[in-house]
């Protein structure tokens, strides 16, 4: 059984790259790729992921609010935050909001 992954990122090139990487990795399935957290409950319900990779900085509903919403309504889903910068305050807020961890995009 493969791990179902959803990616949220507003940068199209990064979203496409992560989508291809995940879909080609043994043991993983890309369950969804989204450019924003609008209608996040519907997106999560349709995609049924095990893990979410969430960009912290997105227009409209940012990733920190997105992780709050996910953890409120989908408590068993693990969320890994993605960020371009080591911003301790944002990372700390994301962890406090329910994220399981974070990774720098350049990693």
PDB file of N, CA and C in Angstrom:
ATOM      1  N   UNK A   1       0.844  -1.176   0.000  1.00  0.00           N
ATOM      2  CA  UNK A   1       0.000   0.000   0.000  1.00  0.00           C
ATOM      3  C   UNK A   1       0.891   1.240   0.000  1.00  0.00           C
ATOM      4  N   UNK A   2       0.610   2.167  -0.879  1.00  0.00           N
ATOM      5  CA  UNK A   2       1.439   3.371  -0.981  1.00  0.00           C
ATOM      6  C   UNK A   2       0.905   4.495  -0.104  1.00  0.00           C
ATOM      7  N   UNK A   3       1.794   5.402   0.235  1.00  0.00           N
ATOM      8  CA  UNK A   3       1.441   6.575   1.029  1.00  0.00           C
ATOM      9  C   UNK A   3       0.889   7.630   0.094  1.00  0.00           C
ATOM     10  N   UNK A   4      -0.319   8.115   0.399  1.00  0.00           N
ATOM     11  CA  UNK A   4      -0.976   9.122  -0.443  1.00  0.00           C
ATOM     12  C   UNK A   4      -0.558  10.514   0.026  1.00  0.00           C
ATOM     13  N   UNK A   5      -0.009  11.296  -0.909  1.00  0.00           N
ATOM     14  CA  UNK A   5       0.533  12.613  -0.590  1.00  0.00           C
ATOM     15  C   UNK A   5      -0.205  13.695  -1.372  1.00  0.00           C
ATOM     16  N   UNK A   6      -0.514  14.793  -0.680  1.00  0.00           N
ATOM     17  CA  UNK A   6      -1.069  15.989  -1.307  1.00  0.00           C
ATOM     18  C   UNK A   6      -0.058  17.113  -1.120  1.00  0.00           C
ATOM     19  N   UNK A   7       0.109  17.926  -2.161  1.00  0.00           N
ATOM     20  CA  UNK A   7       1.031  19.059  -2.109  1.00  0.00           C
ATOM     21  C   UNK A   7       0.244  20.342  -2.311  1.00  0.00           C
ATOM     22  N   UNK A   8       0.498  21.336  -1.426  1.00  0.00           N
ATOM     23  CA  UNK A   8      -0.053  22.681  -1.568  1.00  0.00           C
ATOM     24  C   UNK A   8       1.114  23.642  -1.767  1.00  0.00           C
ATOM     25  N   UNK A   9       1.154  24.327  -2.900  1.00  0.00           N
ATOM     26  CA  UNK A   9       2.190  25.322  -3.155  1.00  0.00           C
ATOM     27  C   UNK A   9       1.722  26.237  -4.272  1.00  0.00           C
ATOM     28  N   UNK A  10       1.916  27.551  -4.086  1.00  0.00           N
ATOM     29  CA  UNK A  10       1.446  28.508  -5.086  1.00  0.00           C
ATOM     30  C   UNK A  10       2.438  28.739  -6.225  1.00  0.00           C
ATOM     31  N   UNK A  11       3.630  28.170  -6.154  1.00  0.00           N
ATOM     32  CA  UNK A  11       4.618  28.301  -7.227  1.00  0.00           C
ATOM     33  C   UNK A  11       4.457  27.115  -8.174  1.00  0.00           C
ATOM     34  N   UNK A  12       3.973  27.388  -9.375  1.00  0.00           N
ATOM     35  CA  UNK A  12       3.617  26.328 -10.320  1.00  0.00           C
ATOM     36  C   UNK A  12       4.790  25.397 -10.623  1.00  0.00           C
ATOM     37  N   UNK A  13       5.969  25.940 -10.844  1.00  0.00           N
ATOM     38  CA  UNK A  13       7.120  25.106 -11.181  1.00  0.00           C
ATOM     39  C   UNK A  13       7.482  24.169 -10.030  1.00  0.00           C
ATOM     40  N   UNK A  14       7.465  24.700  -8.806  1.00  0.00           N
ATOM     41  CA  UNK A  14       7.765  23.853  -7.644  1.00  0.00           C
ATOM     42  C   UNK A  14       6.685  22.792  -7.454  1.00  0.00           C
ATOM     43  N   UNK A  15       5.428  23.184  -7.605  1.00  0.00           N
ATOM     44  CA  UNK A  15       4.313  22.243  -7.458  1.00  0.00           C
ATOM     45  C   UNK A  15       4.422  21.113  -8.480  1.00  0.00           C
ATOM     46  N   UNK A  16       4.723  21.465  -9.718  1.00  0.00           N
ATOM     47  CA  UNK A  16       4.874  20.451 -10.767  1.00  0.00           C
ATOM     48  C   UNK A  16       6.054  19.527 -10.479  1.00  0.00           C
ATOM     49  N   UNK A  17       7.171  20.103 -10.031  1.00  0.00           N
ATOM     50  CA  UNK A  17       8.366  19.305  -9.734  1.00  0.00           C
ATOM     51  C   UNK A  17       8.106  18.329  -8.589  1.00  0.00           C
ATOM     52  N   UNK A  18       7.491  18.817  -7.515  1.00  0.00           N
ATOM     53  CA  UNK A  18       7.185  17.949  -6.380  1.00  0.00           C
ATOM     54  C   UNK A  18       6.191  16.864  -6.778  1.00  0.00           C
ATOM     55  N   UNK A  19       5.223  17.231  -7.589  1.00  0.00           N
ATOM     56  CA  UNK A  19       4.226  16.262  -8.046  1.00  0.00           C
ATOM     57  C   UNK A  19       4.887  15.124  -8.814  1.00  0.00           C
ATOM     58  N   UNK A  20       5.787  15.451  -9.729  1.00  0.00           N
ATOM     59  CA  UNK A  20       6.491  14.426 -10.503  1.00  0.00           C
ATOM     60  C   UNK A  20       7.379  13.571  -9.606  1.00  0.00           C
ATOM     61  N   UNK A  21       8.086  14.221  -8.684  1.00  0.00           N
ATOM     62  CA  UNK A  21       8.980  13.499  -7.778  1.00  0.00           C
ATOM     63  C   UNK A  21       8.206  12.496  -6.925  1.00  0.00           C
ATOM     64  N   UNK A  22       7.106  12.931  -6.361  1.00  0.00           N
ATOM     65  CA  UNK A  22       6.298  12.055  -5.499  1.00  0.00           C
ATOM     66  C   UNK A  22       5.673  10.927  -6.306  1.00  0.00           C
ATOM     67  N   UNK A  23       5.125  11.256  -7.450  1.00  0.00           N
ATOM     68  CA  UNK A  23       4.443  10.248  -8.263  1.00  0.00           C
ATOM     69  C   UNK A  23       5.398   9.176  -8.780  1.00  0.00           C
ATOM     70  N   UNK A  24       6.670   9.532  -8.964  1.00  0.00           N
ATOM     71  CA  UNK A  24       7.660   8.568  -9.450  1.00  0.00           C
ATOM     72  C   UNK A  24       8.362   7.799  -8.336  1.00  0.00           C
ATOM     73  N   UNK A  25       8.157   8.188  -7.092  1.00  0.00           N
ATOM     74  CA  UNK A  25       8.837   7.541  -5.968  1.00  0.00           C
ATOM     75  C   UNK A  25       8.099   6.255  -5.574  1.00  0.00           C
ATOM     76  N   UNK A  26       8.821   5.153  -5.479  1.00  0.00           N
ATOM     77  CA  UNK A  26       8.180   3.902  -5.047  1.00  0.00           C
ATOM     78  C   UNK A  26       7.578   4.060  -3.651  1.00  0.00           C
ATOM     79  N   UNK A  27       6.377   3.554  -3.489  1.00  0.00           N
ATOM     80  CA  UNK A  27       5.718   3.596  -2.187  1.00  0.00           C
ATOM     81  C   UNK A  27       4.904   4.849  -1.940  1.00  0.00           C
ATOM     82  N   UNK A  28       4.882   5.763  -2.910  1.00  0.00           N
ATOM     83  CA  UNK A  28       4.131   7.010  -2.778  1.00  0.00           C
ATOM     84  C   UNK A  28       3.204   7.196  -3.964  1.00  0.00           C
ATOM     85  N   UNK A  29       2.061   7.834  -3.702  1.00  0.00           N
ATOM     86  CA  UNK A  29       1.103   8.188  -4.752  1.00  0.00           C
ATOM     87  C   UNK A  29       0.728   9.641  -4.575  1.00  0.00           C
ATOM     88  N   UNK A  30       0.761  10.403  -5.641  1.00  0.00           N
ATOM     89  CA  UNK A  30       0.302  11.788  -5.593  1.00  0.00           C
ATOM     90  C   UNK A  30      -1.221  11.774  -5.585  1.00  0.00           C
ATOM     91  N   UNK A  31      -1.807  12.215  -4.465  1.00  0.00           N
ATOM     92  CA  UNK A  31      -3.262  12.211  -4.318  1.00  0.00           C
ATOM     93  C   UNK A  31      -3.878  13.536  -4.740  1.00  0.00           C
ATOM     94  N   UNK A  32      -3.053  14.596  -4.809  1.00  0.00           N
ATOM     95  CA  UNK A  32      -3.553  15.900  -5.212  1.00  0.00           C
ATOM     96  C   UNK A  32      -2.451  16.935  -5.178  1.00  0.00           C
ATOM     97  N   UNK A  33      -2.610  17.967  -6.007  1.00  0.00           N
ATOM     98  CA  UNK A  33      -1.659  19.079  -6.056  1.00  0.00           C
ATOM     99  C   UNK A  33      -2.471  20.357  -6.229  1.00  0.00           C
ATOM    100  N   UNK A  34      -2.313  21.271  -5.286  1.00  0.00           N
ATOM    101  CA  UNK A  34      -3.161  22.458  -5.254  1.00  0.00           C
ATOM    102  C   UNK A  34      -2.326  23.719  -5.063  1.00  0.00           C
ATOM    103  N   UNK A  35      -2.783  24.813  -5.672  1.00  0.00           N
ATOM    104  CA  UNK A  35      -2.061  26.087  -5.611  1.00  0.00           C
ATOM    105  C   UNK A  35      -2.503  26.972  -4.455  1.00  0.00           C
ATOM    106  N   UNK A  36      -3.541  26.563  -3.738  1.00  0.00           N
ATOM    107  CA  UNK A  36      -4.014  27.369  -2.609  1.00  0.00           C
ATOM    108  C   UNK A  36      -4.818  26.508  -1.642  1.00  0.00           C
ATOM    109  N   UNK A  37      -5.143  27.100  -0.499  1.00  0.00           N
ATOM    110  CA  UNK A  37      -5.907  26.393   0.536  1.00  0.00           C
ATOM    111  C   UNK A  37      -7.395  26.712   0.482  1.00  0.00           C
ATOM    112  N   UNK A  38      -7.831  27.404  -0.548  1.00  0.00           N
ATOM    113  CA  UNK A  38      -9.257  27.684  -0.698  1.00  0.00           C
ATOM    114  C   UNK A  38     -10.001  26.348  -0.802  1.00  0.00           C
ATOM    115  N   UNK A  39     -11.110  26.237  -0.104  1.00  0.00           N
ATOM    116  CA  UNK A  39     -11.912  25.007  -0.104  1.00  0.00           C
ATOM    117  C   UNK A  39     -11.098  23.791   0.340  1.00  0.00           C
ATOM    118  N   UNK A  40     -10.251  24.000   1.335  1.00  0.00           N
ATOM    119  CA  UNK A  40      -9.327  22.935   1.758  1.00  0.00           C
ATOM    120  C   UNK A  40     -10.055  21.695   2.266  1.00  0.00           C
ATOM    121  N   UNK A  41     -11.165  21.864   2.949  1.00  0.00           N
ATOM    122  CA  UNK A  41     -11.902  20.688   3.444  1.00  0.00           C
ATOM    123  C   UNK A  41     -12.381  19.818   2.288  1.00  0.00           C
ATOM    124  N   UNK A  42     -12.858  20.440   1.248  1.00  0.00           N
ATOM    125  CA  UNK A  42     -13.319  19.693   0.074  1.00  0.00           C
ATOM    126  C   UNK A  42     -12.138  18.997  -0.606  1.00  0.00           C
ATOM    127  N   UNK A  43     -11.024  19.708  -0.759  1.00  0.00           N
ATOM    128  CA  UNK A  43      -9.839  19.124  -1.397  1.00  0.00           C
ATOM    129  C   UNK A  43      -9.322  17.932  -0.602  1.00  0.00           C
ATOM    130  N   UNK A  44      -9.309  18.057   0.715  1.00  0.00           N
ATOM    131  CA  UNK A  44      -8.831  16.963   1.557  1.00  0.00           C
ATOM    132  C   UNK A  44      -9.790  15.774   1.494  1.00  0.00           C
ATOM    133  N   UNK A  45     -11.079  16.056   1.497  1.00  0.00           N
ATOM    134  CA  UNK A  45     -12.064  14.986   1.417  1.00  0.00           C
ATOM    135  C   UNK A  45     -11.985  14.217   0.110  1.00  0.00           C
ATOM    136  N   UNK A  46     -11.757  14.921  -0.977  1.00  0.00           N
ATOM    137  CA  UNK A  46     -11.673  14.275  -2.293  1.00  0.00           C
ATOM    138  C   UNK A  46     -10.381  13.484  -2.460  1.00  0.00           C
ATOM    139  N   UNK A  47      -9.269  14.011  -1.962  1.00  0.00           N
ATOM    140  CA  UNK A  47      -7.972  13.384  -2.203  1.00  0.00           C
ATOM    141  C   UNK A  47      -7.619  12.298  -1.181  1.00  0.00           C
ATOM    142  N   UNK A  48      -8.180  12.365   0.040  1.00  0.00           N
ATOM    143  CA  UNK A  48      -7.941  11.367   1.084  1.00  0.00           C
ATOM    144  C   UNK A  48      -6.446  11.058   1.286  1.00  0.00           C
ATOM    145  N   UNK A  49      -5.625  12.079   1.588  1.00  0.00           N
ATOM    146  CA  UNK A  49      -4.186  11.839   1.740  1.00  0.00           C
ATOM    147  C   UNK A  49      -3.831  11.260   3.107  1.00  0.00           C
ATOM    148  N   UNK A  50      -2.635  10.690   3.169  1.00  0.00           N
ATOM    149  CA  UNK A  50      -2.034  10.279   4.429  1.00  0.00           C
ATOM    150  C   UNK A  50      -1.123  11.385   4.946  1.00  0.00           C
ATOM    151  N   UNK A  51      -0.502  12.097   4.001  1.00  0.00           N
ATOM    152  CA  UNK A  51       0.463  13.145   4.308  1.00  0.00           C
ATOM    153  C   UNK A  51       0.196  14.351   3.414  1.00  0.00           C
ATOM    154  N   UNK A  52       0.373  15.546   3.991  1.00  0.00           N
ATOM    155  CA  UNK A  52       0.255  16.793   3.233  1.00  0.00           C
ATOM    156  C   UNK A  52       1.589  17.524   3.311  1.00  0.00           C
ATOM    157  N   UNK A  53       2.066  17.986   2.171  1.00  0.00           N
ATOM    158  CA  UNK A  53       3.220  18.883   2.114  1.00  0.00           C
ATOM    159  C   UNK A  53       2.661  20.269   1.847  1.00  0.00           C
ATOM    160  N   UNK A  54       2.833  21.179   2.812  1.00  0.00           N
ATOM    161  CA  UNK A  54       2.163  22.480   2.786  1.00  0.00           C
ATOM    162  C   UNK A  54       3.166  23.628   2.758  1.00  0.00           C
ATOM    163  N   UNK A  55       3.058  24.482   1.747  1.00  0.00           N
ATOM    164  CA  UNK A  55       3.851  25.708   1.680  1.00  0.00           C
ATOM    165  C   UNK A  55       3.363  26.660   2.771  1.00  0.00           C
ATOM    166  N   UNK A  56       4.284  27.311   3.469  1.00  0.00           N
ATOM    167  CA  UNK A  56       3.879  28.256   4.509  1.00  0.00           C
ATOM    168  C   UNK A  56       3.324  29.533   3.888  1.00  0.00           C
ATOM    169  N   UNK A  57       4.013  30.061   2.881  1.00  0.00           N
ATOM    170  CA  UNK A  57       3.635  31.339   2.278  1.00  0.00           C
ATOM    171  C   UNK A  57       2.795  31.125   1.024  1.00  0.00           C
ATOM    172  N   UNK A  58       1.504  31.406   1.134  1.00  0.00           N
ATOM    173  CA  UNK A  58       0.612  31.371  -0.024  1.00  0.00           C
ATOM    174  C   UNK A  58      -0.364  32.526   0.102  1.00  0.00           C
ATOM    175  N   UNK A  59      -0.815  33.057  -1.028  1.00  0.00           N
ATOM    176  CA  UNK A  59      -1.791  34.154  -0.959  1.00  0.00           C
ATOM    177  C   UNK A  59      -3.149  33.666  -0.473  1.00  0.00           C
ATOM    178  N   UNK A  60      -3.928  34.580   0.052  1.00  0.00           N
ATOM    179  CA  UNK A  60      -5.246  34.201   0.579  1.00  0.00           C
ATOM    180  C   UNK A  60      -5.060  33.479   1.896  1.00  0.00           C
ATOM    181  N   UNK A  61      -5.474  32.245   1.946  1.00  0.00           N
ATOM    182  CA  UNK A  61      -5.305  31.416   3.137  1.00  0.00           C
ATOM    183  C   UNK A  61      -3.880  30.854   3.122  1.00  0.00           C
ATOM    184  N   UNK A  62      -3.054  31.273   4.090  1.00  0.00           N
ATOM    185  CA  UNK A  62      -1.665  30.796   4.087  1.00  0.00           C
ATOM    186  C   UNK A  62      -1.579  29.368   4.633  1.00  0.00           C
ATOM    187  N   UNK A  63      -0.387  28.788   4.561  1.00  0.00           N
ATOM    188  CA  UNK A  63      -0.196  27.409   4.972  1.00  0.00           C
ATOM    189  C   UNK A  63      -0.416  27.159   6.455  1.00  0.00           C
ATOM    190  N   UNK A  64      -0.131  28.173   7.284  1.00  0.00           N
ATOM    191  CA  UNK A  64      -0.336  27.998   8.723  1.00  0.00           C
ATOM    192  C   UNK A  64      -1.830  27.860   9.025  1.00  0.00           C
ATOM    193  N   UNK A  65      -2.635  28.686   8.397  1.00  0.00           N
ATOM    194  CA  UNK A  65      -4.083  28.556   8.566  1.00  0.00           C
ATOM    195  C   UNK A  65      -4.575  27.261   7.927  1.00  0.00           C
ATOM    196  N   UNK A  66      -3.960  26.869   6.815  1.00  0.00           N
ATOM    197  CA  UNK A  66      -4.319  25.609   6.167  1.00  0.00           C
ATOM    198  C   UNK A  66      -4.089  24.410   7.071  1.00  0.00           C
ATOM    199  N   UNK A  67      -2.934  24.384   7.757  1.00  0.00           N
ATOM    200  CA  UNK A  67      -2.651  23.264   8.656  1.00  0.00           C
ATOM    201  C   UNK A  67      -3.615  23.261   9.841  1.00  0.00           C
ATOM    202  N   UNK A  68      -3.991  24.442  10.334  1.00  0.00           N
ATOM    203  CA  UNK A  68      -4.989  24.506  11.413  1.00  0.00           C
ATOM    204  C   UNK A  68      -6.297  23.851  10.979  1.00  0.00           C
ATOM    205  N   UNK A  69      -6.725  24.182   9.777  1.00  0.00           N
ATOM    206  CA  UNK A  69      -7.989  23.638   9.259  1.00  0.00           C
ATOM    207  C   UNK A  69      -7.894  22.126   9.071  1.00  0.00           C
ATOM    208  N   UNK A  70      -6.767  21.668   8.542  1.00  0.00           N
ATOM    209  CA  UNK A  70      -6.587  20.227   8.342  1.00  0.00           C
ATOM    210  C   UNK A  70      -6.624  19.500   9.684  1.00  0.00           C
ATOM    211  N   UNK A  71      -5.874  19.989  10.656  1.00  0.00           N
ATOM    212  CA  UNK A  71      -5.801  19.307  11.947  1.00  0.00           C
ATOM    213  C   UNK A  71      -7.124  19.383  12.711  1.00  0.00           C
ATOM    214  N   UNK A  72      -7.927  20.380  12.423  1.00  0.00           N
ATOM    215  CA  UNK A  72      -9.243  20.495  13.053  1.00  0.00           C
ATOM    216  C   UNK A  72     -10.201  19.427  12.525  1.00  0.00           C
ATOM    217  N   UNK A  73     -10.175  19.189  11.223  1.00  0.00           N
ATOM    218  CA  UNK A  73     -11.157  18.307  10.594  1.00  0.00           C
ATOM    219  C   UNK A  73     -10.614  16.956  10.130  1.00  0.00           C
ATOM    220  N   UNK A  74      -9.286  16.829  10.045  1.00  0.00           N
ATOM    221  CA  UNK A  74      -8.660  15.581   9.584  1.00  0.00           C
ATOM    222  C   UNK A  74      -7.474  15.290  10.512  1.00  0.00           C
ATOM    223  N   UNK A  75      -7.768  14.946  11.741  1.00  0.00           N
ATOM    224  CA  UNK A  75      -6.763  14.903  12.812  1.00  0.00           C
ATOM    225  C   UNK A  75      -5.631  13.904  12.584  1.00  0.00           C
ATOM    226  N   UNK A  76      -5.858  12.853  11.845  1.00  0.00           N
ATOM    227  CA  UNK A  76      -4.835  11.812  11.676  1.00  0.00           C
ATOM    228  C   UNK A  76      -3.863  12.086  10.536  1.00  0.00           C
ATOM    229  N   UNK A  77      -4.121  13.109   9.744  1.00  0.00           N
ATOM    230  CA  UNK A  77      -3.242  13.418   8.615  1.00  0.00           C
ATOM    231  C   UNK A  77      -2.022  14.184   9.112  1.00  0.00           C
ATOM    232  N   UNK A  78      -0.839  13.719   8.707  1.00  0.00           N
ATOM    233  CA  UNK A  78       0.406  14.407   9.040  1.00  0.00           C
ATOM    234  C   UNK A  78       0.678  15.500   8.016  1.00  0.00           C
ATOM    235  N   UNK A  79       1.117  16.658   8.509  1.00  0.00           N
ATOM    236  CA  UNK A  79       1.397  17.792   7.637  1.00  0.00           C
ATOM    237  C   UNK A  79       2.861  18.175   7.788  1.00  0.00           C
ATOM    238  N   UNK A  80       3.570  18.213   6.674  1.00  0.00           N
ATOM    239  CA  UNK A  80       4.961  18.638   6.624  1.00  0.00           C
ATOM    240  C   UNK A  80       4.992  20.007   5.952  1.00  0.00           C
ATOM    241  N   UNK A  81       5.464  21.014   6.675  1.00  0.00           N
ATOM    242  CA  UNK A  81       5.509  22.366   6.141  1.00  0.00           C
ATOM    243  C   UNK A  81       6.735  22.526   5.251  1.00  0.00           C
ATOM    244  N   UNK A  82       6.583  23.310   4.196  1.00  0.00           N
ATOM    245  CA  UNK A  82       7.674  23.624   3.283  1.00  0.00           C
ATOM    246  C   UNK A  82       7.887  25.130   3.305  1.00  0.00           C
ATOM    247  N   UNK A  83       9.125  25.548   3.349  1.00  0.00           N
ATOM    248  CA  UNK A  83       9.409  26.977   3.333  1.00  0.00           C
ATOM    249  C   UNK A  83      10.714  27.236   2.605  1.00  0.00           C
ATOM    250  N   UNK A  84      10.819  28.417   2.019  1.00  0.00           N
ATOM    251  CA  UNK A  84      12.040  28.819   1.328  1.00  0.00           C
ATOM    252  C   UNK A  84      13.049  29.434   2.284  1.00  0.00           C
ATOM    253  N   UNK A  85      12.580  29.909   3.428  1.00  0.00           N
ATOM    254  CA  UNK A  85      13.429  30.634   4.355  1.00  0.00           C
ATOM    255  C   UNK A  85      13.335  30.016   5.745  1.00  0.00           C
ATOM    256  N   UNK A  86      14.424  30.082   6.479  1.00  0.00           N
ATOM    257  CA  UNK A  86      14.403  29.635   7.873  1.00  0.00           C
ATOM    258  C   UNK A  86      13.843  30.761   8.724  1.00  0.00           C
ATOM    259  N   UNK A  87      12.539  30.866   8.761  1.00  0.00           N
ATOM    260  CA  UNK A  87      11.837  31.879   9.546  1.00  0.00           C
ATOM    261  C   UNK A  87      11.309  31.196  10.794  1.00  0.00           C
ATOM    262  N   UNK A  88      12.054  31.324  11.893  1.00  0.00           N
ATOM    263  CA  UNK A  88      11.725  30.600  13.117  1.00  0.00           C
ATOM    264  C   UNK A  88      10.308  30.858  13.604  1.00  0.00           C
ATOM    265  N   UNK A  89       9.834  32.102  13.505  1.00  0.00           N
ATOM    266  CA  UNK A  89       8.491  32.422  13.994  1.00  0.00           C
ATOM    267  C   UNK A  89       7.417  31.687  13.198  1.00  0.00           C
ATOM    268  N   UNK A  90       7.543  31.687  11.875  1.00  0.00           N
ATOM    269  CA  UNK A  90       6.534  31.015  11.043  1.00  0.00           C
ATOM    270  C   UNK A  90       6.587  29.503  11.232  1.00  0.00           C
ATOM    271  N   UNK A  91       7.793  28.964  11.305  1.00  0.00           N
ATOM    272  CA  UNK A  91       7.923  27.530  11.525  1.00  0.00           C
ATOM    273  C   UNK A  91       7.346  27.157  12.891  1.00  0.00           C
ATOM    274  N   UNK A  92       7.653  27.939  13.918  1.00  0.00           N
ATOM    275  CA  UNK A  92       7.122  27.691  15.261  1.00  0.00           C
ATOM    276  C   UNK A  92       5.595  27.752  15.255  1.00  0.00           C
ATOM    277  N   UNK A  93       5.032  28.759  14.587  1.00  0.00           N
ATOM    278  CA  UNK A  93       3.570  28.874  14.489  1.00  0.00           C
ATOM    279  C   UNK A  93       2.962  27.680  13.761  1.00  0.00           C
ATOM    280  N   UNK A  94       3.644  27.204  12.725  1.00  0.00           N
ATOM    281  CA  UNK A  94       3.137  26.047  11.981  1.00  0.00           C
ATOM    282  C   UNK A  94       3.138  24.798  12.853  1.00  0.00           C
ATOM    283  N   UNK A  95       4.207  24.599  13.623  1.00  0.00           N
ATOM    284  CA  UNK A  95       4.280  23.440  14.515  1.00  0.00           C
ATOM    285  C   UNK A  95       3.204  23.547  15.595  1.00  0.00           C
ATOM    286  N   UNK A  96       3.037  24.748  16.157  1.00  0.00           N
ATOM    287  CA  UNK A  96       2.006  24.955  17.185  1.00  0.00           C
ATOM    288  C   UNK A  96       0.599  24.749  16.624  1.00  0.00           C
ATOM    289  N   UNK A  97       0.437  24.943  15.327  1.00  0.00           N
ATOM    290  CA  UNK A  97      -0.861  24.768  14.680  1.00  0.00           C
ATOM    291  C   UNK A  97      -1.146  23.319  14.315  1.00  0.00           C
ATOM    292  N   UNK A  98      -0.154  22.441  14.507  1.00  0.00           N
ATOM    293  CA  UNK A  98      -0.391  21.023  14.274  1.00  0.00           C
ATOM    294  C   UNK A  98       0.508  20.353  13.256  1.00  0.00           C
ATOM    295  N   UNK A  99       1.419  21.107  12.628  1.00  0.00           N
ATOM    296  CA  UNK A  99       2.319  20.498  11.652  1.00  0.00           C
ATOM    297  C   UNK A  99       3.236  19.492  12.343  1.00  0.00           C
ATOM    298  N   UNK A 100       3.558  18.428  11.639  1.00  0.00           N
ATOM    299  CA  UNK A 100       4.428  17.388  12.185  1.00  0.00           C
ATOM    300  C   UNK A 100       5.898  17.765  12.087  1.00  0.00           C
ATOM    301  N   UNK A 101       6.226  18.676  11.163  1.00  0.00           N
ATOM    302  CA  UNK A 101       7.608  19.094  10.958  1.00  0.00           C
ATOM    303  C   UNK A 101       7.687  20.038   9.783  1.00  0.00           C
ATOM    304  N   UNK A 102       8.928  20.354   9.389  1.00  0.00           N
ATOM    305  CA  UNK A 102       9.107  21.240   8.241  1.00  0.00           C
ATOM    306  C   UNK A 102      10.358  20.853   7.475  1.00  0.00           C
ATOM    307  N   UNK A 103      10.420  21.299   6.237  1.00  0.00           N
ATOM    308  CA  UNK A 103      11.574  21.067   5.385  1.00  0.00           C
ATOM    309  C   UNK A 103      11.810  22.326   4.558  1.00  0.00           C
ATOM    310  N   UNK A 104      13.077  22.657   4.353  1.00  0.00           N
ATOM    311  CA  UNK A 104      13.407  23.789   3.499  1.00  0.00           C
ATOM    312  C   UNK A 104      13.283  23.350   2.042  1.00  0.00           C
ATOM    313  N   UNK A 105      12.733  24.205   1.206  1.00  0.00           N
ATOM    314  CA  UNK A 105      12.517  23.851  -0.188  1.00  0.00           C
ATOM    315  C   UNK A 105      13.822  23.560  -0.914  1.00  0.00           C
ATOM    316  N   UNK A 106      14.908  24.215  -0.525  1.00  0.00           N
ATOM    317  CA  UNK A 106      16.174  23.973  -1.213  1.00  0.00           C
ATOM    318  C   UNK A 106      16.793  22.633  -0.824  1.00  0.00           C
ATOM    319  N   UNK A 107      16.200  21.934   0.146  1.00  0.00           N
ATOM    320  CA  UNK A 107      16.662  20.604   0.519  1.00  0.00           C
ATOM    321  C   UNK A 107      16.202  19.618  -0.532  1.00  0.00           C
TER     322      UNK A 107
END
